[in-house]
């Protein structure tokens, strides 16, 4: 069950979330990443830069930028994906809670040759103006097949009760 308590406004999610504690997904499954950021400082942010180093197991040809909350430019150099919101004029939270938020969304697919049981980790650094980066949480996906296990035990006809309502 998802947490309903306080959350870090600078975070990353990868969808699908994956199955079980290992976050199993099928090979060649598109992963959609969303990176959220919020200006929790005490002045307007004029520039936000997100730096996301993509796993060696991701197929860069499948990268698809899906959208963002503000105008941006992006670059991809040596597996380093950068989003630049400049200028952004992002107000700080205490004067505009809703307006102090932003995000970017992209999708990418693991390479065909990625071995089963490969674990793909991903996080990003968010830079507000000239401040030190804020690191997001790390998302995890494990490539697998046949990971949803269903077992059915045969019913014992001598020890089965059936009730029918209403009678």
N, C-alpha and C. Protein backbone atom coordinates (compact mmCIF):
# COMPACT_ATOMS: atom_id res chain seq x y z
N UNK A 1 0.85 -1.18 0.00
CA UNK A 1 0.00 0.00 0.00
C UNK A 1 0.88 1.23 0.00
N UNK A 2 0.47 2.25 -0.76
CA UNK A 2 1.25 3.47 -0.89
C UNK A 2 1.22 4.28 0.40
N UNK A 3 2.33 4.96 0.66
CA UNK A 3 2.43 5.81 1.85
C UNK A 3 1.50 7.01 1.70
N UNK A 4 0.85 7.39 2.78
CA UNK A 4 -0.02 8.56 2.76
C UNK A 4 0.52 9.65 3.67
N UNK A 5 1.77 9.52 4.12
CA UNK A 5 2.39 10.51 4.99
C UNK A 5 3.12 11.55 4.17
N UNK A 6 4.05 12.24 4.81
CA UNK A 6 4.80 13.27 4.12
C UNK A 6 5.69 12.64 3.06
N UNK A 7 5.97 13.41 2.00
CA UNK A 7 6.80 12.92 0.91
C UNK A 7 7.82 13.99 0.55
N UNK A 8 8.94 13.53 -0.01
CA UNK A 8 9.93 14.45 -0.53
C UNK A 8 9.38 14.97 -1.85
N UNK A 9 9.32 16.30 -2.02
CA UNK A 9 8.76 16.83 -3.26
C UNK A 9 9.69 16.64 -4.45
N UNK A 10 10.91 16.19 -4.23
CA UNK A 10 11.86 15.94 -5.31
C UNK A 10 12.07 14.43 -5.38
N UNK A 11 11.34 13.79 -6.30
CA UNK A 11 11.39 12.34 -6.34
C UNK A 11 11.26 11.82 -7.76
N UNK A 12 11.38 10.49 -7.86
CA UNK A 12 11.31 9.84 -9.16
C UNK A 12 10.47 8.58 -9.04
N UNK A 13 9.60 8.36 -10.01
CA UNK A 13 8.84 7.11 -10.07
C UNK A 13 9.09 6.46 -11.43
N UNK A 14 9.00 5.15 -11.45
CA UNK A 14 9.11 4.38 -12.68
C UNK A 14 7.90 3.48 -12.80
N UNK A 15 7.17 3.61 -13.90
CA UNK A 15 5.96 2.81 -14.11
C UNK A 15 6.15 1.89 -15.30
N UNK A 16 5.75 0.64 -15.22
CA UNK A 16 5.01 0.05 -14.11
C UNK A 16 5.90 -0.06 -12.87
N UNK A 17 5.28 -0.13 -11.72
CA UNK A 17 6.04 -0.26 -10.49
C UNK A 17 6.78 -1.59 -10.43
N UNK A 18 6.22 -2.62 -11.06
CA UNK A 18 6.81 -3.94 -11.02
C UNK A 18 6.12 -4.81 -9.99
N UNK A 19 6.34 -6.10 -10.10
CA UNK A 19 5.66 -7.09 -9.28
C UNK A 19 6.56 -7.55 -8.14
N UNK A 20 6.04 -7.52 -6.93
CA UNK A 20 6.76 -8.04 -5.78
C UNK A 20 7.87 -7.13 -5.31
N UNK A 21 8.60 -7.63 -4.33
CA UNK A 21 9.67 -6.84 -3.71
C UNK A 21 10.81 -6.57 -4.69
N UNK A 22 11.01 -7.46 -5.66
CA UNK A 22 12.06 -7.28 -6.66
C UNK A 22 11.64 -6.40 -7.83
N UNK A 23 10.37 -6.01 -7.85
CA UNK A 23 9.84 -5.13 -8.92
C UNK A 23 10.05 -5.75 -10.30
N UNK A 24 9.57 -6.99 -10.45
CA UNK A 24 9.73 -7.70 -11.72
C UNK A 24 8.90 -7.05 -12.82
N UNK A 25 9.51 -6.92 -14.00
CA UNK A 25 8.80 -6.53 -15.21
C UNK A 25 9.29 -7.41 -16.35
N UNK A 26 8.51 -7.49 -17.41
CA UNK A 26 8.87 -8.31 -18.56
C UNK A 26 9.98 -7.61 -19.35
N UNK A 27 10.84 -8.41 -20.02
CA UNK A 27 11.82 -7.81 -20.92
C UNK A 27 11.10 -7.03 -22.02
N UNK A 28 11.70 -6.00 -22.48
CA UNK A 28 11.15 -5.15 -23.54
C UNK A 28 9.91 -4.36 -23.10
N UNK A 29 9.68 -4.26 -21.83
CA UNK A 29 8.56 -3.48 -21.30
C UNK A 29 8.99 -2.01 -21.22
N UNK A 30 8.19 -1.13 -21.75
CA UNK A 30 8.48 0.29 -21.67
C UNK A 30 8.37 0.76 -20.23
N UNK A 31 9.37 1.48 -19.77
CA UNK A 31 9.35 2.06 -18.43
C UNK A 31 9.15 3.56 -18.59
N UNK A 32 8.16 4.09 -17.90
CA UNK A 32 7.89 5.53 -17.94
C UNK A 32 8.36 6.15 -16.63
N UNK A 33 9.29 7.06 -16.74
CA UNK A 33 9.85 7.73 -15.57
C UNK A 33 9.27 9.13 -15.43
N UNK A 34 8.94 9.49 -14.20
CA UNK A 34 8.49 10.86 -13.89
C UNK A 34 9.38 11.40 -12.78
N UNK A 35 10.00 12.54 -13.05
CA UNK A 35 10.83 13.20 -12.06
C UNK A 35 10.11 14.47 -11.63
N UNK A 36 9.82 14.55 -10.33
CA UNK A 36 9.13 15.73 -9.79
C UNK A 36 10.11 16.58 -9.00
N UNK A 37 9.92 17.89 -9.06
CA UNK A 37 10.75 18.79 -8.28
C UNK A 37 9.89 19.92 -7.72
N UNK A 38 10.35 20.46 -6.60
CA UNK A 38 9.65 21.57 -5.96
C UNK A 38 10.68 22.51 -5.35
N UNK A 39 10.46 23.80 -5.53
CA UNK A 39 11.33 24.81 -4.93
C UNK A 39 10.92 25.00 -3.48
N UNK A 40 11.67 24.37 -2.58
CA UNK A 40 11.38 24.48 -1.15
C UNK A 40 12.29 25.52 -0.48
N UNK A 41 12.99 26.29 -1.28
CA UNK A 41 13.89 27.31 -0.75
C UNK A 41 13.12 28.54 -0.28
N UNK A 42 13.82 29.68 -0.26
CA UNK A 42 13.18 30.91 0.20
C UNK A 42 13.29 32.04 -0.82
N UNK A 43 13.49 31.67 -2.10
CA UNK A 43 13.51 32.66 -3.18
C UNK A 43 13.14 31.95 -4.48
N UNK A 44 12.80 32.72 -5.48
CA UNK A 44 12.45 32.19 -6.79
C UNK A 44 13.64 31.44 -7.38
N UNK A 45 13.38 30.28 -7.98
CA UNK A 45 14.40 29.54 -8.72
C UNK A 45 14.33 30.00 -10.18
N UNK A 46 15.45 30.44 -10.71
CA UNK A 46 15.48 30.93 -12.08
C UNK A 46 15.86 29.84 -13.08
N UNK A 47 16.51 28.80 -12.57
CA UNK A 47 16.97 27.72 -13.44
C UNK A 47 16.88 26.41 -12.67
N UNK A 48 16.38 25.36 -13.33
CA UNK A 48 16.39 24.00 -12.77
C UNK A 48 16.99 23.09 -13.82
N UNK A 49 17.95 22.28 -13.41
CA UNK A 49 18.57 21.31 -14.31
C UNK A 49 18.46 19.93 -13.67
N UNK A 50 18.00 18.96 -14.45
CA UNK A 50 17.89 17.57 -14.00
C UNK A 50 18.90 16.76 -14.79
N UNK A 51 19.72 16.00 -14.08
CA UNK A 51 20.74 15.15 -14.71
C UNK A 51 20.44 13.71 -14.33
N UNK A 52 20.24 12.87 -15.34
CA UNK A 52 19.81 11.48 -15.16
C UNK A 52 20.71 10.58 -16.00
N UNK A 53 21.56 9.79 -15.37
CA UNK A 53 22.43 8.87 -16.10
C UNK A 53 21.69 7.56 -16.32
N UNK A 54 21.51 7.21 -17.58
CA UNK A 54 20.73 6.03 -17.94
C UNK A 54 21.57 4.76 -17.89
N UNK A 55 20.96 3.69 -17.43
CA UNK A 55 21.62 2.39 -17.31
C UNK A 55 22.16 1.93 -18.66
N UNK A 56 23.27 1.20 -18.61
CA UNK A 56 23.84 0.61 -19.82
C UNK A 56 22.87 -0.37 -20.48
N UNK A 57 21.86 -0.83 -19.73
CA UNK A 57 20.91 -1.82 -20.25
C UNK A 57 19.73 -1.17 -20.96
N UNK A 58 19.68 0.16 -20.99
CA UNK A 58 18.55 0.84 -21.66
C UNK A 58 18.90 1.13 -23.12
N UNK A 59 17.91 0.95 -23.98
CA UNK A 59 18.08 1.18 -25.42
C UNK A 59 17.80 2.66 -25.71
N UNK A 60 18.86 3.42 -25.93
CA UNK A 60 18.74 4.86 -26.13
C UNK A 60 17.88 5.22 -27.34
N UNK A 61 17.79 4.31 -28.30
CA UNK A 61 16.96 4.57 -29.49
C UNK A 61 15.48 4.63 -29.16
N UNK A 62 15.08 4.09 -28.00
CA UNK A 62 13.67 4.06 -27.63
C UNK A 62 13.28 5.23 -26.71
N UNK A 63 14.24 6.10 -26.40
CA UNK A 63 13.96 7.24 -25.52
C UNK A 63 12.87 8.11 -26.14
N UNK A 64 11.85 8.41 -25.33
CA UNK A 64 10.73 9.23 -25.79
C UNK A 64 10.42 10.26 -24.70
N UNK A 65 10.61 11.53 -25.00
CA UNK A 65 10.30 12.59 -24.06
C UNK A 65 8.80 12.84 -24.16
N UNK A 66 8.07 12.62 -23.06
CA UNK A 66 6.61 12.66 -23.08
C UNK A 66 6.02 14.00 -22.66
N UNK A 67 6.77 14.80 -21.92
CA UNK A 67 6.24 16.09 -21.54
C UNK A 67 6.84 16.61 -20.26
N UNK A 68 6.46 17.84 -19.94
CA UNK A 68 6.97 18.49 -18.74
C UNK A 68 6.00 19.59 -18.32
N UNK A 69 6.20 20.06 -17.11
CA UNK A 69 5.33 21.09 -16.55
C UNK A 69 5.67 22.48 -17.08
N UNK A 70 6.90 22.69 -17.53
CA UNK A 70 7.37 23.99 -18.00
C UNK A 70 8.18 23.78 -19.28
N UNK A 71 8.42 24.86 -20.00
CA UNK A 71 9.26 24.78 -21.20
C UNK A 71 10.66 24.35 -20.80
N UNK A 72 11.29 23.53 -21.64
CA UNK A 72 12.61 22.99 -21.33
C UNK A 72 13.34 22.65 -22.60
N UNK A 73 14.63 22.42 -22.46
CA UNK A 73 15.43 21.82 -23.52
C UNK A 73 16.08 20.58 -22.90
N UNK A 74 16.54 19.66 -23.74
CA UNK A 74 17.18 18.46 -23.20
C UNK A 74 18.33 18.05 -24.10
N UNK A 75 19.24 17.27 -23.52
CA UNK A 75 20.34 16.72 -24.29
C UNK A 75 20.63 15.31 -23.78
N UNK A 76 21.23 14.51 -24.64
CA UNK A 76 21.65 13.16 -24.29
C UNK A 76 23.07 12.99 -24.79
N UNK A 77 24.02 12.91 -23.85
CA UNK A 77 25.43 12.77 -24.19
C UNK A 77 26.01 11.64 -23.34
N UNK A 78 26.53 10.60 -24.00
CA UNK A 78 27.15 9.48 -23.28
C UNK A 78 26.27 8.92 -22.17
N UNK A 79 25.01 8.66 -22.47
CA UNK A 79 24.03 8.07 -21.55
C UNK A 79 23.58 9.03 -20.45
N UNK A 80 24.02 10.28 -20.49
CA UNK A 80 23.60 11.27 -19.51
C UNK A 80 22.51 12.13 -20.14
N UNK A 81 21.30 11.97 -19.60
CA UNK A 81 20.14 12.70 -20.07
C UNK A 81 19.97 13.93 -19.18
N UNK A 82 19.95 15.11 -19.78
CA UNK A 82 19.82 16.36 -19.02
C UNK A 82 18.61 17.14 -19.51
N UNK A 83 17.84 17.64 -18.55
CA UNK A 83 16.71 18.52 -18.84
C UNK A 83 17.05 19.88 -18.24
N UNK A 84 16.85 20.93 -19.03
CA UNK A 84 17.21 22.28 -18.59
C UNK A 84 15.97 23.17 -18.67
N UNK A 85 15.53 23.65 -17.53
CA UNK A 85 14.43 24.59 -17.43
C UNK A 85 15.05 25.96 -17.16
N UNK A 86 15.28 26.75 -18.22
CA UNK A 86 16.01 28.01 -18.07
C UNK A 86 15.57 28.98 -19.14
N UNK A 87 14.83 30.02 -18.76
CA UNK A 87 14.44 30.38 -17.40
C UNK A 87 13.15 29.67 -16.98
N UNK A 88 12.97 29.49 -15.69
CA UNK A 88 11.76 28.83 -15.20
C UNK A 88 10.97 29.74 -14.26
N UNK A 89 11.64 30.60 -13.52
CA UNK A 89 10.98 31.50 -12.56
C UNK A 89 10.02 30.73 -11.65
N UNK A 90 10.54 29.71 -11.00
CA UNK A 90 9.75 28.84 -10.14
C UNK A 90 9.64 29.46 -8.74
N UNK A 91 8.43 29.86 -8.35
CA UNK A 91 8.28 30.48 -7.03
C UNK A 91 8.58 29.47 -5.92
N UNK A 92 8.87 29.98 -4.74
CA UNK A 92 9.15 29.08 -3.62
C UNK A 92 7.86 28.69 -2.92
N UNK A 93 7.91 27.55 -2.26
CA UNK A 93 6.73 26.88 -1.71
C UNK A 93 5.91 27.76 -0.78
N UNK A 94 6.54 28.52 0.09
CA UNK A 94 5.77 29.26 1.10
C UNK A 94 4.94 30.41 0.51
N UNK A 95 5.25 30.83 -0.73
CA UNK A 95 4.41 31.87 -1.34
C UNK A 95 3.45 31.31 -2.39
N UNK A 96 3.76 30.10 -2.93
CA UNK A 96 2.90 29.49 -3.95
C UNK A 96 3.15 27.98 -3.96
N UNK A 97 2.46 27.26 -3.08
CA UNK A 97 2.70 25.82 -2.93
C UNK A 97 2.50 25.08 -4.25
N UNK A 98 1.39 25.32 -4.92
CA UNK A 98 1.11 24.61 -6.18
C UNK A 98 2.06 25.05 -7.28
N UNK A 99 2.30 26.35 -7.39
CA UNK A 99 3.15 26.88 -8.46
C UNK A 99 4.62 26.56 -8.29
N UNK A 100 5.03 26.10 -7.11
CA UNK A 100 6.44 25.82 -6.85
C UNK A 100 6.87 24.43 -7.32
N UNK A 101 5.95 23.69 -7.95
CA UNK A 101 6.20 22.32 -8.41
C UNK A 101 6.46 22.26 -9.90
N UNK A 102 7.20 21.24 -10.31
CA UNK A 102 7.41 20.96 -11.71
C UNK A 102 7.71 19.49 -11.91
N UNK A 103 7.74 19.07 -13.16
CA UNK A 103 8.06 17.67 -13.46
C UNK A 103 8.47 17.51 -14.91
N UNK A 104 9.06 16.36 -15.19
CA UNK A 104 9.35 15.93 -16.55
C UNK A 104 9.05 14.44 -16.62
N UNK A 105 8.58 13.98 -17.78
CA UNK A 105 8.22 12.57 -17.97
C UNK A 105 8.86 12.08 -19.27
N UNK A 106 9.49 10.90 -19.19
CA UNK A 106 10.02 10.27 -20.39
C UNK A 106 9.87 8.76 -20.27
N UNK A 107 9.99 8.08 -21.41
CA UNK A 107 9.94 6.62 -21.39
C UNK A 107 11.13 6.06 -22.15
N UNK A 108 11.45 4.81 -21.82
CA UNK A 108 12.58 4.13 -22.46
C UNK A 108 12.38 2.62 -22.26
N UNK A 109 12.99 1.83 -23.13
CA UNK A 109 12.81 0.37 -23.11
C UNK A 109 14.18 -0.29 -22.91
N UNK A 110 14.25 -1.35 -22.09
CA UNK A 110 15.52 -2.09 -21.96
C UNK A 110 15.94 -2.69 -23.31
N UNK A 111 17.24 -2.85 -23.49
CA UNK A 111 17.77 -3.47 -24.71
C UNK A 111 17.26 -4.90 -24.83
N UNK A 112 17.11 -5.36 -26.06
CA UNK A 112 16.65 -6.73 -26.32
C UNK A 112 17.58 -7.76 -25.70
N UNK A 113 18.89 -7.49 -25.74
CA UNK A 113 19.87 -8.47 -25.26
C UNK A 113 20.09 -8.43 -23.74
N UNK A 114 19.33 -7.62 -23.02
CA UNK A 114 19.49 -7.55 -21.57
C UNK A 114 19.13 -8.90 -20.95
N UNK A 115 20.05 -9.50 -20.18
CA UNK A 115 19.77 -10.82 -19.59
C UNK A 115 18.63 -10.77 -18.57
N UNK A 116 17.91 -11.87 -18.45
CA UNK A 116 16.91 -11.97 -17.39
C UNK A 116 17.61 -11.84 -16.04
N UNK A 117 16.90 -11.36 -15.07
CA UNK A 117 17.37 -11.10 -13.70
C UNK A 117 18.25 -9.86 -13.60
N UNK A 118 18.41 -9.12 -14.71
CA UNK A 118 19.14 -7.85 -14.64
C UNK A 118 18.32 -6.86 -13.84
N UNK A 119 18.98 -6.19 -12.91
CA UNK A 119 18.33 -5.16 -12.09
C UNK A 119 18.71 -3.80 -12.66
N UNK A 120 17.70 -3.00 -12.96
CA UNK A 120 17.92 -1.67 -13.51
C UNK A 120 17.59 -0.65 -12.44
N UNK A 121 18.59 0.10 -12.00
CA UNK A 121 18.41 1.16 -11.02
C UNK A 121 18.42 2.50 -11.75
N UNK A 122 17.69 3.47 -11.22
CA UNK A 122 17.70 4.79 -11.82
C UNK A 122 17.39 5.84 -10.77
N UNK A 123 18.16 6.92 -10.78
CA UNK A 123 17.88 8.09 -9.96
C UNK A 123 18.33 9.31 -10.75
N UNK A 124 18.13 10.48 -10.19
CA UNK A 124 18.49 11.71 -10.90
C UNK A 124 18.95 12.75 -9.89
N UNK A 125 19.73 13.71 -10.37
CA UNK A 125 20.14 14.86 -9.58
C UNK A 125 19.39 16.09 -10.09
N UNK A 126 18.87 16.87 -9.15
CA UNK A 126 18.12 18.08 -9.49
C UNK A 126 18.90 19.28 -8.95
N UNK A 127 19.24 20.20 -9.83
CA UNK A 127 19.97 21.40 -9.46
C UNK A 127 19.04 22.61 -9.54
N UNK A 128 18.92 23.34 -8.45
CA UNK A 128 18.18 24.60 -8.43
C UNK A 128 19.20 25.73 -8.46
N UNK A 129 19.21 26.53 -9.53
CA UNK A 129 20.17 27.62 -9.71
C UNK A 129 21.59 27.10 -9.49
N UNK A 130 22.34 27.68 -8.57
CA UNK A 130 23.74 27.28 -8.37
C UNK A 130 23.93 26.46 -7.10
N UNK A 131 22.86 25.88 -6.57
CA UNK A 131 22.93 25.09 -5.35
C UNK A 131 23.45 23.68 -5.65
N UNK A 132 23.89 22.99 -4.60
CA UNK A 132 24.29 21.60 -4.74
C UNK A 132 23.09 20.77 -5.18
N UNK A 133 23.33 19.64 -5.85
CA UNK A 133 22.20 18.85 -6.35
C UNK A 133 21.42 18.16 -5.24
N UNK A 134 20.16 17.93 -5.52
CA UNK A 134 19.29 17.12 -4.68
C UNK A 134 19.12 15.80 -5.40
N UNK A 135 19.47 14.70 -4.77
CA UNK A 135 19.36 13.37 -5.38
C UNK A 135 17.97 12.81 -5.11
N UNK A 136 17.33 12.30 -6.14
CA UNK A 136 16.04 11.65 -5.97
C UNK A 136 16.24 10.27 -5.35
N UNK A 137 15.13 9.65 -5.00
CA UNK A 137 15.16 8.24 -4.63
C UNK A 137 15.60 7.41 -5.84
N UNK A 138 15.94 6.16 -5.61
CA UNK A 138 16.35 5.26 -6.68
C UNK A 138 15.20 4.33 -7.02
N UNK A 139 14.84 4.28 -8.31
CA UNK A 139 13.83 3.32 -8.76
C UNK A 139 14.54 2.02 -9.12
N UNK A 140 13.82 0.90 -9.01
CA UNK A 140 14.39 -0.41 -9.30
C UNK A 140 13.40 -1.23 -10.11
N UNK A 141 13.90 -1.89 -11.15
CA UNK A 141 13.13 -2.87 -11.92
C UNK A 141 14.03 -4.06 -12.19
N UNK A 142 13.47 -5.26 -12.12
CA UNK A 142 14.20 -6.49 -12.41
C UNK A 142 13.53 -7.19 -13.58
N UNK A 143 14.30 -7.50 -14.62
CA UNK A 143 13.73 -8.16 -15.80
C UNK A 143 13.54 -9.64 -15.54
N UNK A 144 12.35 -10.12 -15.83
CA UNK A 144 12.04 -11.53 -15.58
C UNK A 144 10.84 -11.96 -16.44
N UNK A 145 10.65 -13.26 -16.49
CA UNK A 145 9.44 -13.83 -17.12
C UNK A 145 8.85 -14.82 -16.12
N UNK A 146 7.61 -15.13 -16.30
CA UNK A 146 6.91 -16.12 -15.47
C UNK A 146 7.06 -15.83 -13.97
N UNK A 147 6.90 -14.57 -13.61
CA UNK A 147 7.09 -14.20 -12.20
C UNK A 147 5.80 -14.12 -11.41
N UNK A 148 4.66 -14.21 -12.07
CA UNK A 148 3.40 -14.25 -11.35
C UNK A 148 3.03 -15.72 -11.20
N UNK A 149 3.11 -16.21 -9.98
CA UNK A 149 2.90 -17.64 -9.71
C UNK A 149 1.51 -17.83 -9.11
N UNK A 150 0.77 -18.70 -9.73
CA UNK A 150 -0.57 -19.02 -9.24
C UNK A 150 -0.59 -20.50 -8.93
N UNK A 151 -1.00 -20.86 -7.73
CA UNK A 151 -1.10 -22.28 -7.42
C UNK A 151 -2.53 -22.56 -6.96
N UNK A 152 -3.02 -23.65 -7.42
CA UNK A 152 -4.38 -24.05 -7.07
C UNK A 152 -4.31 -25.48 -6.54
N UNK A 153 -4.86 -25.67 -5.35
CA UNK A 153 -4.90 -27.00 -4.80
C UNK A 153 -6.26 -27.61 -5.12
N UNK A 154 -6.28 -28.87 -5.53
CA UNK A 154 -7.56 -29.49 -5.86
C UNK A 154 -8.46 -29.57 -4.62
N UNK A 155 -9.74 -29.36 -4.84
CA UNK A 155 -10.71 -29.42 -3.74
C UNK A 155 -10.95 -30.87 -3.33
N UNK A 156 -11.19 -31.07 -2.05
CA UNK A 156 -11.51 -32.39 -1.52
C UNK A 156 -13.03 -32.52 -1.55
N UNK A 157 -13.59 -33.35 -2.44
CA UNK A 157 -15.05 -33.42 -2.56
C UNK A 157 -15.74 -33.93 -1.28
N UNK A 158 -15.03 -34.67 -0.44
CA UNK A 158 -15.63 -35.17 0.79
C UNK A 158 -15.60 -34.13 1.91
N UNK A 159 -14.84 -33.05 1.71
CA UNK A 159 -14.70 -32.05 2.76
C UNK A 159 -15.02 -30.65 2.23
N UNK A 160 -16.00 -30.57 1.33
CA UNK A 160 -16.37 -29.29 0.74
C UNK A 160 -17.82 -28.99 1.09
N UNK A 161 -18.07 -27.79 1.56
CA UNK A 161 -19.41 -27.35 1.89
C UNK A 161 -19.82 -26.24 0.94
N UNK A 162 -21.03 -26.32 0.44
CA UNK A 162 -21.55 -25.28 -0.46
C UNK A 162 -22.80 -24.72 0.16
N UNK A 163 -22.85 -23.42 0.30
CA UNK A 163 -24.06 -22.75 0.78
C UNK A 163 -24.63 -21.89 -0.35
N UNK A 164 -25.94 -21.95 -0.50
CA UNK A 164 -26.60 -21.16 -1.53
C UNK A 164 -27.59 -20.23 -0.85
N UNK A 165 -27.49 -18.94 -1.14
CA UNK A 165 -28.38 -17.92 -0.56
C UNK A 165 -29.05 -17.17 -1.67
N UNK A 166 -30.20 -16.60 -1.55
CA UNK A 166 -31.20 -16.98 -0.55
C UNK A 166 -31.82 -18.32 -0.92
N UNK A 167 -32.39 -18.97 0.09
CA UNK A 167 -32.98 -20.28 -0.18
C UNK A 167 -34.47 -20.16 -0.43
